[in-house]
Amino acid sequence: MRMVTVAILFFLTYITDMITIYIVRHGETDYNKESRYLGRADISLNSTGREQATELRRTIKNLHIDTVISSPLKRAVETAKIILPDNEIATDYHFIERSTGVYEGLTKKEASIKYPDFYKKNITRIFNEAPPKGETIHRVQERVFEGLDRIKNDYYDKNIIIITHAFIAKIVNKYFNPQLTDEDFFDFVLPNAQVQKYTIN
């Protein structure tokens, strides 16, 4: 009987000693609607984005969230304030969107005309290159992985929600699925105002 009790206690300890991370992409902005490179452009949600965030608030209302972390960009903070209005929000630069440098604010067509050489080589999908003044995928991965490692060390047995961006969501998905091919990495898309759940044991 004692052995069974010990086994049950061990099992209960095992299943509770984990971190749950919910990754949320911010709601829609006008740049999303117009299919423009957004990057570090610090613009607000549009009306659709605010409606999306309000709907997401209803979706996650029963989740127990211990800590709210947001990218410092307006669109992420605004989303965080709508979906969790009663929680304190900590901004964290580790989860800011990838800088796409000179591409920011441009449509793909505009980028192809203004920077034809960079566009032809599909520079935003090369891991160790980036548009001028932009951030390489390797550099983004370093900072996002660093942020997730810090959460793993500092938020033992907590439920964390991180409000972030489309490209950062790809990097987070790679962190939890390191076997992903490059094709699978780029194919993963978290839609605006949607949530993805991960756990760390």
N, C-alpha and C. Protein backbone atom coordinates (compact mmCIF):
# COMPACT_ATOMS: atom_id res chain seq x y z
N MET A 1 0.83 -1.20 0.00
CA MET A 1 0.00 0.00 0.00
C MET A 1 0.87 1.26 0.00
N ARG A 2 1.93 1.24 0.82
CA ARG A 2 2.82 2.40 0.89
C ARG A 2 3.49 2.68 -0.45
N MET A 3 3.87 1.59 -1.14
CA MET A 3 4.52 1.75 -2.45
C MET A 3 3.57 2.39 -3.45
N VAL A 4 2.29 2.01 -3.39
CA VAL A 4 1.29 2.58 -4.29
C VAL A 4 1.12 4.07 -4.01
N THR A 5 1.06 4.43 -2.70
CA THR A 5 0.90 5.83 -2.32
C THR A 5 2.08 6.66 -2.79
N VAL A 6 3.28 6.16 -2.61
CA VAL A 6 4.48 6.87 -3.06
C VAL A 6 4.45 7.05 -4.57
N ALA A 7 4.03 5.99 -5.28
CA ALA A 7 3.97 6.07 -6.74
C ALA A 7 2.97 7.14 -7.18
N ILE A 8 1.83 7.21 -6.50
CA ILE A 8 0.82 8.22 -6.84
C ILE A 8 1.35 9.61 -6.58
N LEU A 9 2.00 9.81 -5.45
CA LEU A 9 2.56 11.13 -5.13
C LEU A 9 3.61 11.54 -6.16
N PHE A 10 4.44 10.58 -6.56
CA PHE A 10 5.46 10.88 -7.57
C PHE A 10 4.80 11.29 -8.88
N PHE A 11 3.73 10.57 -9.26
CA PHE A 11 3.03 10.88 -10.50
C PHE A 11 2.41 12.27 -10.45
N LEU A 12 1.76 12.59 -9.31
CA LEU A 12 1.15 13.90 -9.18
C LEU A 12 2.19 15.00 -9.23
N THR A 13 3.33 14.78 -8.61
CA THR A 13 4.41 15.77 -8.65
C THR A 13 4.89 15.95 -10.08
N TYR A 14 5.04 14.85 -10.79
CA TYR A 14 5.55 14.91 -12.17
C TYR A 14 4.62 15.71 -13.07
N ILE A 15 3.30 15.46 -12.95
CA ILE A 15 2.39 16.11 -13.89
C ILE A 15 2.15 17.58 -13.54
N THR A 16 2.42 17.98 -12.33
CA THR A 16 2.21 19.38 -11.99
C THR A 16 3.47 20.22 -12.14
N ASP A 17 4.64 19.58 -12.11
CA ASP A 17 5.89 20.34 -12.22
C ASP A 17 6.22 20.61 -13.68
N MET A 18 5.41 21.45 -14.31
CA MET A 18 5.68 21.81 -15.69
C MET A 18 5.22 23.23 -15.92
N ILE A 19 5.73 23.79 -17.00
CA ILE A 19 5.35 25.14 -17.40
C ILE A 19 4.47 25.01 -18.64
N THR A 20 3.35 25.69 -18.63
CA THR A 20 2.49 25.76 -19.82
C THR A 20 2.66 27.15 -20.43
N ILE A 21 2.96 27.17 -21.71
CA ILE A 21 3.15 28.44 -22.42
C ILE A 21 2.11 28.55 -23.53
N TYR A 22 1.34 29.63 -23.48
CA TYR A 22 0.39 29.93 -24.55
C TYR A 22 0.97 31.05 -25.40
N ILE A 23 1.15 30.79 -26.68
CA ILE A 23 1.65 31.79 -27.61
C ILE A 23 0.48 32.40 -28.37
N VAL A 24 0.35 33.72 -28.31
CA VAL A 24 -0.73 34.42 -28.99
C VAL A 24 -0.13 35.39 -30.00
N ARG A 25 -0.64 35.36 -31.21
CA ARG A 25 -0.27 36.39 -32.18
C ARG A 25 -1.24 37.55 -32.03
N HIS A 26 -0.71 38.76 -32.12
CA HIS A 26 -1.54 39.97 -32.00
C HIS A 26 -2.66 39.99 -33.04
N GLY A 27 -3.64 40.84 -32.81
CA GLY A 27 -4.73 41.02 -33.77
C GLY A 27 -4.27 41.76 -35.03
N GLU A 28 -5.17 41.84 -35.96
CA GLU A 28 -4.84 42.42 -37.28
C GLU A 28 -4.52 43.91 -37.20
N THR A 29 -3.58 44.33 -38.06
CA THR A 29 -3.27 45.74 -38.28
C THR A 29 -3.54 46.05 -39.75
N ASP A 30 -3.50 47.32 -40.08
CA ASP A 30 -3.68 47.70 -41.48
C ASP A 30 -2.58 47.11 -42.37
N TYR A 31 -1.36 47.03 -41.84
CA TYR A 31 -0.27 46.44 -42.63
C TYR A 31 -0.53 44.96 -42.91
N ASN A 32 -1.08 44.23 -41.92
CA ASN A 32 -1.47 42.84 -42.18
C ASN A 32 -2.52 42.77 -43.28
N LYS A 33 -3.51 43.63 -43.19
CA LYS A 33 -4.61 43.65 -44.15
C LYS A 33 -4.10 43.94 -45.56
N GLU A 34 -3.10 44.81 -45.64
CA GLU A 34 -2.55 45.20 -46.95
C GLU A 34 -1.37 44.34 -47.38
N SER A 35 -1.07 43.29 -46.62
CA SER A 35 0.04 42.37 -46.91
C SER A 35 1.37 43.12 -47.05
N ARG A 36 1.65 43.99 -46.10
CA ARG A 36 2.91 44.72 -46.06
C ARG A 36 3.85 44.07 -45.05
N TYR A 37 5.15 44.20 -45.30
CA TYR A 37 6.13 43.76 -44.31
C TYR A 37 5.96 44.65 -43.09
N LEU A 38 5.74 44.02 -41.96
CA LEU A 38 5.41 44.77 -40.74
C LEU A 38 6.63 44.97 -39.85
N GLY A 39 7.27 43.87 -39.47
CA GLY A 39 8.51 43.98 -38.69
C GLY A 39 8.37 44.85 -37.45
N ARG A 40 9.29 45.81 -37.32
CA ARG A 40 9.31 46.67 -36.13
C ARG A 40 8.43 47.92 -36.28
N ALA A 41 7.76 48.07 -37.42
CA ALA A 41 6.86 49.21 -37.57
C ALA A 41 5.86 49.17 -36.41
N ASP A 42 5.81 50.25 -35.65
CA ASP A 42 5.05 50.23 -34.39
C ASP A 42 3.67 50.83 -34.60
N ILE A 43 2.80 50.07 -35.23
CA ILE A 43 1.46 50.54 -35.51
C ILE A 43 0.44 49.80 -34.67
N SER A 44 -0.73 50.41 -34.55
CA SER A 44 -1.78 49.87 -33.68
C SER A 44 -2.64 48.85 -34.40
N LEU A 45 -3.46 48.16 -33.63
CA LEU A 45 -4.48 47.30 -34.20
C LEU A 45 -5.49 48.12 -34.99
N ASN A 46 -6.07 47.52 -36.02
CA ASN A 46 -7.20 48.16 -36.67
C ASN A 46 -8.49 47.66 -36.02
N SER A 47 -9.62 48.07 -36.53
CA SER A 47 -10.89 47.69 -35.89
C SER A 47 -11.11 46.18 -35.92
N THR A 48 -10.71 45.54 -37.00
CA THR A 48 -10.82 44.09 -37.08
C THR A 48 -9.94 43.42 -36.03
N GLY A 49 -8.73 43.95 -35.86
CA GLY A 49 -7.81 43.41 -34.85
C GLY A 49 -8.36 43.52 -33.45
N ARG A 50 -9.01 44.63 -33.16
CA ARG A 50 -9.61 44.78 -31.83
C ARG A 50 -10.77 43.82 -31.63
N GLU A 51 -11.54 43.61 -32.68
CA GLU A 51 -12.64 42.64 -32.60
C GLU A 51 -12.10 41.22 -32.42
N GLN A 52 -11.01 40.90 -33.14
CA GLN A 52 -10.39 39.57 -33.00
C GLN A 52 -9.92 39.35 -31.57
N ALA A 53 -9.29 40.38 -31.00
CA ALA A 53 -8.78 40.26 -29.63
C ALA A 53 -9.93 40.09 -28.63
N THR A 54 -11.02 40.79 -28.86
CA THR A 54 -12.18 40.65 -27.99
C THR A 54 -12.75 39.23 -28.05
N GLU A 55 -12.78 38.66 -29.24
CA GLU A 55 -13.25 37.28 -29.39
C GLU A 55 -12.29 36.32 -28.70
N LEU A 56 -10.99 36.58 -28.82
CA LEU A 56 -10.01 35.72 -28.16
C LEU A 56 -10.16 35.79 -26.64
N ARG A 57 -10.48 36.97 -26.12
CA ARG A 57 -10.70 37.10 -24.67
C ARG A 57 -11.78 36.13 -24.20
N ARG A 58 -12.83 36.00 -24.99
CA ARG A 58 -13.90 35.05 -24.62
C ARG A 58 -13.40 33.61 -24.72
N THR A 59 -12.54 33.34 -25.69
CA THR A 59 -12.03 31.98 -25.88
C THR A 59 -11.16 31.52 -24.72
N ILE A 60 -10.35 32.44 -24.18
CA ILE A 60 -9.38 32.05 -23.15
C ILE A 60 -9.83 32.40 -21.74
N LYS A 61 -11.07 32.81 -21.58
CA LYS A 61 -11.51 33.35 -20.29
C LYS A 61 -11.38 32.35 -19.15
N ASN A 62 -11.42 31.05 -19.45
CA ASN A 62 -11.33 30.05 -18.39
C ASN A 62 -9.93 29.53 -18.14
N LEU A 63 -8.95 30.06 -18.87
CA LEU A 63 -7.57 29.65 -18.63
C LEU A 63 -7.05 30.31 -17.36
N HIS A 64 -6.29 29.55 -16.59
CA HIS A 64 -5.61 30.15 -15.43
C HIS A 64 -4.23 30.62 -15.89
N ILE A 65 -4.04 31.93 -15.92
CA ILE A 65 -2.78 32.51 -16.37
C ILE A 65 -2.07 33.16 -15.19
N ASP A 66 -0.84 32.75 -14.94
CA ASP A 66 -0.05 33.33 -13.85
C ASP A 66 0.72 34.57 -14.28
N THR A 67 1.22 34.56 -15.50
CA THR A 67 2.08 35.66 -15.96
C THR A 67 1.76 35.99 -17.41
N VAL A 68 1.68 37.30 -17.69
CA VAL A 68 1.43 37.79 -19.05
C VAL A 68 2.68 38.50 -19.55
N ILE A 69 3.22 38.03 -20.66
CA ILE A 69 4.41 38.64 -21.26
C ILE A 69 4.03 39.10 -22.66
N SER A 70 4.47 40.30 -23.03
CA SER A 70 4.14 40.83 -24.35
C SER A 70 5.38 41.41 -25.02
N SER A 71 5.41 41.28 -26.33
CA SER A 71 6.33 42.10 -27.12
C SER A 71 6.06 43.56 -26.78
N PRO A 72 7.07 44.43 -26.82
CA PRO A 72 6.84 45.83 -26.50
C PRO A 72 6.13 46.63 -27.59
N LEU A 73 5.92 46.06 -28.77
CA LEU A 73 5.27 46.80 -29.85
C LEU A 73 3.79 47.00 -29.55
N LYS A 74 3.24 48.14 -30.03
CA LYS A 74 1.87 48.54 -29.70
C LYS A 74 0.84 47.46 -29.98
N ARG A 75 0.95 46.84 -31.14
CA ARG A 75 -0.09 45.88 -31.54
C ARG A 75 -0.16 44.69 -30.61
N ALA A 76 0.98 44.31 -30.05
CA ALA A 76 0.99 43.20 -29.10
C ALA A 76 0.46 43.63 -27.74
N VAL A 77 0.92 44.78 -27.27
CA VAL A 77 0.47 45.28 -25.96
C VAL A 77 -1.03 45.55 -25.98
N GLU A 78 -1.52 46.13 -27.06
CA GLU A 78 -2.96 46.39 -27.18
C GLU A 78 -3.75 45.07 -27.12
N THR A 79 -3.25 44.06 -27.81
CA THR A 79 -3.91 42.75 -27.78
C THR A 79 -3.92 42.19 -26.37
N ALA A 80 -2.79 42.30 -25.69
CA ALA A 80 -2.69 41.80 -24.32
C ALA A 80 -3.69 42.50 -23.40
N LYS A 81 -3.82 43.80 -23.54
CA LYS A 81 -4.73 44.56 -22.68
C LYS A 81 -6.19 44.20 -22.94
N ILE A 82 -6.50 43.84 -24.18
CA ILE A 82 -7.88 43.45 -24.49
C ILE A 82 -8.19 42.04 -23.99
N ILE A 83 -7.27 41.11 -24.22
CA ILE A 83 -7.59 39.71 -23.87
C ILE A 83 -7.45 39.43 -22.38
N LEU A 84 -6.61 40.20 -21.68
CA LEU A 84 -6.42 39.98 -20.24
C LEU A 84 -6.39 41.34 -19.53
N PRO A 85 -7.54 42.02 -19.50
CA PRO A 85 -7.58 43.39 -18.99
C PRO A 85 -7.27 43.53 -17.51
N ASP A 86 -7.37 42.45 -16.75
CA ASP A 86 -7.16 42.55 -15.30
C ASP A 86 -5.76 42.08 -14.87
N ASN A 87 -4.93 41.73 -15.83
CA ASN A 87 -3.61 41.21 -15.50
C ASN A 87 -2.52 42.25 -15.74
N GLU A 88 -1.48 42.16 -14.93
CA GLU A 88 -0.30 42.99 -15.17
C GLU A 88 0.45 42.44 -16.37
N ILE A 89 0.94 43.33 -17.23
CA ILE A 89 1.63 42.92 -18.45
C ILE A 89 3.10 43.30 -18.37
N ALA A 90 3.96 42.31 -18.55
CA ALA A 90 5.40 42.55 -18.59
C ALA A 90 5.86 42.51 -20.04
N THR A 91 6.51 43.58 -20.52
CA THR A 91 7.01 43.57 -21.88
C THR A 91 8.42 42.98 -21.91
N ASP A 92 8.71 42.26 -22.98
CA ASP A 92 9.98 41.54 -23.08
C ASP A 92 10.50 41.63 -24.51
N TYR A 93 11.68 42.24 -24.66
CA TYR A 93 12.28 42.46 -25.98
C TYR A 93 12.62 41.15 -26.68
N HIS A 94 12.79 40.07 -25.94
CA HIS A 94 13.09 38.78 -26.57
C HIS A 94 12.02 38.39 -27.59
N PHE A 95 10.79 38.88 -27.39
CA PHE A 95 9.67 38.43 -28.21
C PHE A 95 9.14 39.51 -29.14
N ILE A 96 9.97 40.54 -29.39
CA ILE A 96 9.62 41.55 -30.38
C ILE A 96 9.74 40.93 -31.78
N GLU A 97 8.99 41.48 -32.73
CA GLU A 97 9.00 40.90 -34.08
C GLU A 97 10.37 41.05 -34.75
N ARG A 98 10.64 40.16 -35.68
CA ARG A 98 11.86 40.24 -36.49
C ARG A 98 11.88 41.55 -37.27
N SER A 99 13.00 42.22 -37.26
CA SER A 99 13.17 43.41 -38.10
C SER A 99 13.43 42.97 -39.54
N THR A 100 12.65 43.51 -40.46
CA THR A 100 12.91 43.25 -41.87
C THR A 100 13.55 44.44 -42.56
N GLY A 101 14.11 45.34 -41.76
CA GLY A 101 14.93 46.42 -42.28
C GLY A 101 14.23 47.28 -43.32
N VAL A 102 14.88 47.42 -44.48
CA VAL A 102 14.36 48.32 -45.52
C VAL A 102 13.07 47.83 -46.15
N TYR A 103 12.68 46.59 -45.90
CA TYR A 103 11.42 46.08 -46.44
C TYR A 103 10.21 46.60 -45.68
N GLU A 104 10.40 47.05 -44.47
CA GLU A 104 9.25 47.37 -43.62
C GLU A 104 8.36 48.46 -44.22
N GLY A 105 7.07 48.20 -44.22
CA GLY A 105 6.09 49.11 -44.79
C GLY A 105 5.81 48.87 -46.26
N LEU A 106 6.60 47.99 -46.90
CA LEU A 106 6.44 47.71 -48.33
C LEU A 106 5.60 46.47 -48.55
N THR A 107 4.86 46.45 -49.67
CA THR A 107 4.26 45.20 -50.11
C THR A 107 5.35 44.37 -50.79
N LYS A 108 5.05 43.11 -51.06
CA LYS A 108 6.03 42.28 -51.76
C LYS A 108 6.35 42.84 -53.14
N LYS A 109 5.34 43.36 -53.83
CA LYS A 109 5.57 43.94 -55.15
C LYS A 109 6.48 45.16 -55.04
N GLU A 110 6.21 46.01 -54.07
CA GLU A 110 7.05 47.21 -53.88
C GLU A 110 8.49 46.82 -53.54
N ALA A 111 8.64 45.80 -52.69
CA ALA A 111 9.98 45.35 -52.33
C ALA A 111 10.72 44.78 -53.54
N SER A 112 10.00 44.05 -54.39
CA SER A 112 10.64 43.45 -55.57
C SER A 112 11.10 44.51 -56.56
N ILE A 113 10.40 45.65 -56.61
CA ILE A 113 10.77 46.74 -57.52
C ILE A 113 11.90 47.57 -56.93
N LYS A 114 11.81 47.87 -55.64
CA LYS A 114 12.79 48.74 -55.01
C LYS A 114 14.10 48.03 -54.70
N TYR A 115 14.04 46.74 -54.38
CA TYR A 115 15.23 45.97 -54.03
C TYR A 115 15.23 44.64 -54.81
N PRO A 116 15.33 44.71 -56.14
CA PRO A 116 15.17 43.50 -56.96
C PRO A 116 16.19 42.40 -56.67
N ASP A 117 17.44 42.78 -56.40
CA ASP A 117 18.47 41.76 -56.16
C ASP A 117 18.20 40.98 -54.89
N PHE A 118 17.86 41.70 -53.82
CA PHE A 118 17.56 41.02 -52.55
C PHE A 118 16.29 40.18 -52.68
N TYR A 119 15.31 40.71 -53.39
CA TYR A 119 14.04 40.01 -53.50
C TYR A 119 14.18 38.73 -54.31
N LYS A 120 14.98 38.78 -55.39
CA LYS A 120 15.16 37.59 -56.24
C LYS A 120 15.80 36.44 -55.48
N LYS A 121 16.67 36.76 -54.56
CA LYS A 121 17.32 35.68 -53.80
C LYS A 121 16.49 35.23 -52.59
N ASN A 122 15.29 35.83 -52.45
CA ASN A 122 14.38 35.45 -51.36
C ASN A 122 15.07 35.59 -50.00
N ILE A 123 15.64 36.76 -49.79
CA ILE A 123 16.57 36.96 -48.67
C ILE A 123 15.92 36.79 -47.30
N THR A 124 14.64 37.01 -47.18
CA THR A 124 13.99 36.87 -45.86
C THR A 124 13.88 35.41 -45.42
N ARG A 125 14.14 34.47 -46.34
CA ARG A 125 14.05 33.05 -46.01
C ARG A 125 15.43 32.38 -45.97
N ILE A 126 16.49 33.19 -45.98
CA ILE A 126 17.85 32.67 -45.83
C ILE A 126 18.27 32.88 -44.38
N PHE A 127 18.69 31.83 -43.70
CA PHE A 127 18.85 31.87 -42.25
C PHE A 127 19.96 32.82 -41.79
N ASN A 128 20.99 33.02 -42.59
CA ASN A 128 22.10 33.87 -42.13
C ASN A 128 22.21 35.18 -42.91
N GLU A 129 21.11 35.58 -43.58
CA GLU A 129 21.09 36.86 -44.28
C GLU A 129 19.78 37.58 -43.96
N ALA A 130 19.75 38.87 -44.32
CA ALA A 130 18.55 39.68 -44.07
C ALA A 130 18.58 40.88 -45.00
N PRO A 131 17.42 41.51 -45.21
CA PRO A 131 17.42 42.77 -45.94
C PRO A 131 18.29 43.80 -45.19
N PRO A 132 18.87 44.78 -45.89
CA PRO A 132 19.67 45.79 -45.20
C PRO A 132 18.96 46.36 -43.98
N LYS A 133 19.69 46.50 -42.89
CA LYS A 133 19.19 47.00 -41.60
C LYS A 133 18.23 46.01 -40.92
N GLY A 134 18.11 44.83 -41.48
CA GLY A 134 17.22 43.83 -40.90
C GLY A 134 17.95 42.83 -40.03
N GLU A 135 17.21 41.86 -39.55
CA GLU A 135 17.69 40.88 -38.59
C GLU A 135 17.68 39.49 -39.23
N THR A 136 18.79 38.76 -39.13
CA THR A 136 18.82 37.42 -39.69
C THR A 136 17.96 36.47 -38.86
N ILE A 137 17.55 35.38 -39.49
CA ILE A 137 16.77 34.38 -38.77
C ILE A 137 17.58 33.79 -37.63
N HIS A 138 18.87 33.57 -37.86
CA HIS A 138 19.72 33.03 -36.79
C HIS A 138 19.73 33.95 -35.58
N ARG A 139 19.81 35.25 -35.81
CA ARG A 139 19.84 36.19 -34.68
C ARG A 139 18.50 36.19 -33.95
N VAL A 140 17.41 36.14 -34.69
CA VAL A 140 16.08 36.08 -34.05
C VAL A 140 15.97 34.82 -33.21
N GLN A 141 16.43 33.71 -33.76
CA GLN A 141 16.37 32.45 -33.02
C GLN A 141 17.16 32.53 -31.73
N GLU A 142 18.32 33.13 -31.77
CA GLU A 142 19.15 33.25 -30.56
C GLU A 142 18.40 33.97 -29.45
N ARG A 143 17.78 35.11 -29.78
CA ARG A 143 17.14 35.89 -28.72
C ARG A 143 15.84 35.26 -28.23
N VAL A 144 15.08 34.66 -29.15
CA VAL A 144 13.83 34.02 -28.73
C VAL A 144 14.13 32.79 -27.87
N PHE A 145 15.09 31.98 -28.30
CA PHE A 145 15.48 30.81 -27.50
C PHE A 145 15.99 31.24 -26.13
N GLU A 146 16.74 32.33 -26.10
CA GLU A 146 17.24 32.86 -24.82
C GLU A 146 16.07 33.24 -23.92
N GLY A 147 15.06 33.90 -24.48
CA GLY A 147 13.88 34.28 -23.70
C GLY A 147 13.12 33.09 -23.18
N LEU A 148 12.97 32.06 -24.02
CA LEU A 148 12.26 30.86 -23.59
C LEU A 148 13.06 30.08 -22.55
N ASP A 149 14.38 30.05 -22.69
CA ASP A 149 15.20 29.40 -21.66
C ASP A 149 15.06 30.11 -20.32
N ARG A 150 14.99 31.44 -20.35
CA ARG A 150 14.82 32.21 -19.12
C ARG A 150 13.48 31.88 -18.46
N ILE A 151 12.43 31.80 -19.27
CA ILE A 151 11.11 31.42 -18.75
C ILE A 151 11.17 30.02 -18.13
N LYS A 152 11.85 29.11 -18.80
CA LYS A 152 12.00 27.74 -18.29
C LYS A 152 12.66 27.73 -16.93
N ASN A 153 13.62 28.62 -16.72
CA ASN A 153 14.35 28.66 -15.45
C ASN A 153 13.62 29.45 -14.36
N ASP A 154 12.87 30.49 -14.76
CA ASP A 154 12.33 31.44 -13.78
C ASP A 154 10.85 31.23 -13.45
N TYR A 155 10.12 30.49 -14.27
CA TYR A 155 8.68 30.38 -14.07
C TYR A 155 8.26 28.94 -13.84
N TYR A 156 8.90 28.33 -12.89
CA TYR A 156 8.65 26.93 -12.54
C TYR A 156 7.19 26.70 -12.18
N ASP A 157 6.56 25.71 -12.85
CA ASP A 157 5.20 25.30 -12.53
C ASP A 157 4.17 26.43 -12.69
N LYS A 158 4.33 27.25 -13.74
CA LYS A 158 3.42 28.37 -13.98
C LYS A 158 2.78 28.24 -15.36
N ASN A 159 1.69 28.98 -15.53
CA ASN A 159 1.04 29.12 -16.83
C ASN A 159 1.35 30.51 -17.37
N ILE A 160 2.03 30.54 -18.50
CA ILE A 160 2.51 31.80 -19.07
C ILE A 160 1.80 32.04 -20.40
N ILE A 161 1.42 33.28 -20.66
CA ILE A 161 0.91 33.64 -21.98
C ILE A 161 1.82 34.71 -22.57
N ILE A 162 2.23 34.51 -23.82
CA ILE A 162 3.13 35.45 -24.49
C ILE A 162 2.42 35.99 -25.72
N ILE A 163 2.23 37.30 -25.77
CA ILE A 163 1.59 37.93 -26.93
C ILE A 163 2.71 38.46 -27.82
N THR A 164 2.76 37.93 -29.03
CA THR A 164 3.90 38.20 -29.89
C THR A 164 3.47 38.29 -31.35
N HIS A 165 4.31 37.82 -32.27
CA HIS A 165 4.15 38.11 -33.69
C HIS A 165 4.29 36.85 -34.54
N ALA A 166 3.96 36.98 -35.82
CA ALA A 166 3.92 35.82 -36.71
C ALA A 166 5.27 35.13 -36.83
N PHE A 167 6.34 35.90 -37.07
CA PHE A 167 7.63 35.25 -37.26
C PHE A 167 8.16 34.68 -35.95
N ILE A 168 7.91 35.38 -34.86
CA ILE A 168 8.35 34.87 -33.56
C ILE A 168 7.63 33.57 -33.22
N ALA A 169 6.37 33.46 -33.63
CA ALA A 169 5.63 32.21 -33.41
C ALA A 169 6.28 31.05 -34.16
N LYS A 170 6.84 31.31 -35.34
CA LYS A 170 7.57 30.26 -36.07
C LYS A 170 8.79 29.80 -35.27
N ILE A 171 9.52 30.77 -34.70
CA ILE A 171 10.72 30.44 -33.94
C ILE A 171 10.35 29.66 -32.68
N VAL A 172 9.29 30.07 -32.00
CA VAL A 172 8.84 29.34 -30.80
C VAL A 172 8.47 27.91 -31.17
N ASN A 173 7.77 27.74 -32.28
CA ASN A 173 7.39 26.40 -32.72
C ASN A 173 8.62 25.54 -33.00
N LYS A 174 9.67 26.16 -33.51
CA LYS A 174 10.92 25.43 -33.75
C LYS A 174 11.58 25.04 -32.43
N TYR A 175 11.52 25.90 -31.44
CA TYR A 175 12.09 25.61 -30.12
C TYR A 175 11.49 24.33 -29.56
N PHE A 176 10.18 24.18 -29.70
CA PHE A 176 9.50 23.01 -29.15
C PHE A 176 9.49 21.82 -30.12
N ASN A 177 9.84 22.07 -31.37
CA ASN A 177 9.90 21.00 -32.38
C ASN A 177 11.20 21.12 -33.17
N PRO A 178 12.32 20.83 -32.54
CA PRO A 178 13.63 21.06 -33.18
C PRO A 178 13.88 20.22 -34.42
N GLN A 179 13.08 19.18 -34.62
CA GLN A 179 13.26 18.31 -35.78
C GLN A 179 12.65 18.89 -37.05
N LEU A 180 11.99 20.04 -36.98
CA LEU A 180 11.33 20.62 -38.15
C LEU A 180 12.30 20.83 -39.31
N THR A 181 11.84 20.52 -40.51
CA THR A 181 12.61 20.88 -41.70
C THR A 181 12.45 22.38 -41.95
N ASP A 182 13.31 22.94 -42.79
CA ASP A 182 13.18 24.35 -43.12
C ASP A 182 11.82 24.64 -43.75
N GLU A 183 11.36 23.72 -44.58
CA GLU A 183 10.06 23.90 -45.22
C GLU A 183 8.95 23.94 -44.20
N ASP A 184 8.97 23.03 -43.23
CA ASP A 184 7.96 23.01 -42.18
C ASP A 184 8.05 24.26 -41.31
N PHE A 185 9.27 24.72 -41.07
CA PHE A 185 9.46 25.94 -40.29
C PHE A 185 8.72 27.10 -40.93
N PHE A 186 8.91 27.31 -42.21
CA PHE A 186 8.28 28.43 -42.89
C PHE A 186 6.79 28.22 -43.12
N ASP A 187 6.36 26.96 -43.24
CA ASP A 187 4.95 26.69 -43.48
C ASP A 187 4.08 26.94 -42.25
N PHE A 188 4.67 26.88 -41.07
CA PHE A 188 3.87 27.09 -39.86
C PHE A 188 3.44 28.56 -39.77
N VAL A 189 2.15 28.78 -39.65
CA VAL A 189 1.62 30.15 -39.54
C VAL A 189 0.59 30.18 -38.42
N LEU A 190 0.81 31.06 -37.46
CA LEU A 190 -0.18 31.30 -36.41
C LEU A 190 -1.01 32.51 -36.85
N PRO A 191 -2.30 32.33 -37.11
CA PRO A 191 -3.13 33.46 -37.58
C PRO A 191 -3.26 34.55 -36.52
N ASN A 192 -3.67 35.72 -36.96
CA ASN A 192 -3.90 36.83 -36.03
C ASN A 192 -4.88 36.44 -34.94
N ALA A 193 -4.55 36.81 -33.70
CA ALA A 193 -5.42 36.61 -32.53
C ALA A 193 -5.79 35.15 -32.32
N GLN A 194 -4.82 34.26 -32.60
CA GLN A 194 -5.00 32.84 -32.31
C GLN A 194 -3.94 32.40 -31.31
N VAL A 195 -4.19 31.26 -30.67
CA VAL A 195 -3.34 30.82 -29.58
C VAL A 195 -2.80 29.41 -29.86
N GLN A 196 -1.55 29.18 -29.49
CA GLN A 196 -0.91 27.87 -29.60
C GLN A 196 -0.35 27.50 -28.23
N LYS A 197 -0.61 26.26 -27.80
CA LYS A 197 -0.20 25.82 -26.47
C LYS A 197 1.02 24.91 -26.54
N TYR A 198 1.98 25.13 -25.63
CA TYR A 198 3.16 24.28 -25.48
C TYR A 198 3.39 24.01 -24.00
N THR A 199 4.07 22.91 -23.70
CA THR A 199 4.42 22.62 -22.31
C THR A 199 5.89 22.28 -22.19
N ILE A 200 6.46 22.63 -21.03
CA ILE A 200 7.84 22.27 -20.69
C ILE A 200 7.80 21.48 -19.40
N ASN A 201 8.28 20.26 -19.43
CA ASN A 201 8.31 19.43 -18.22
C ASN A 201 9.60 19.68 -17.43
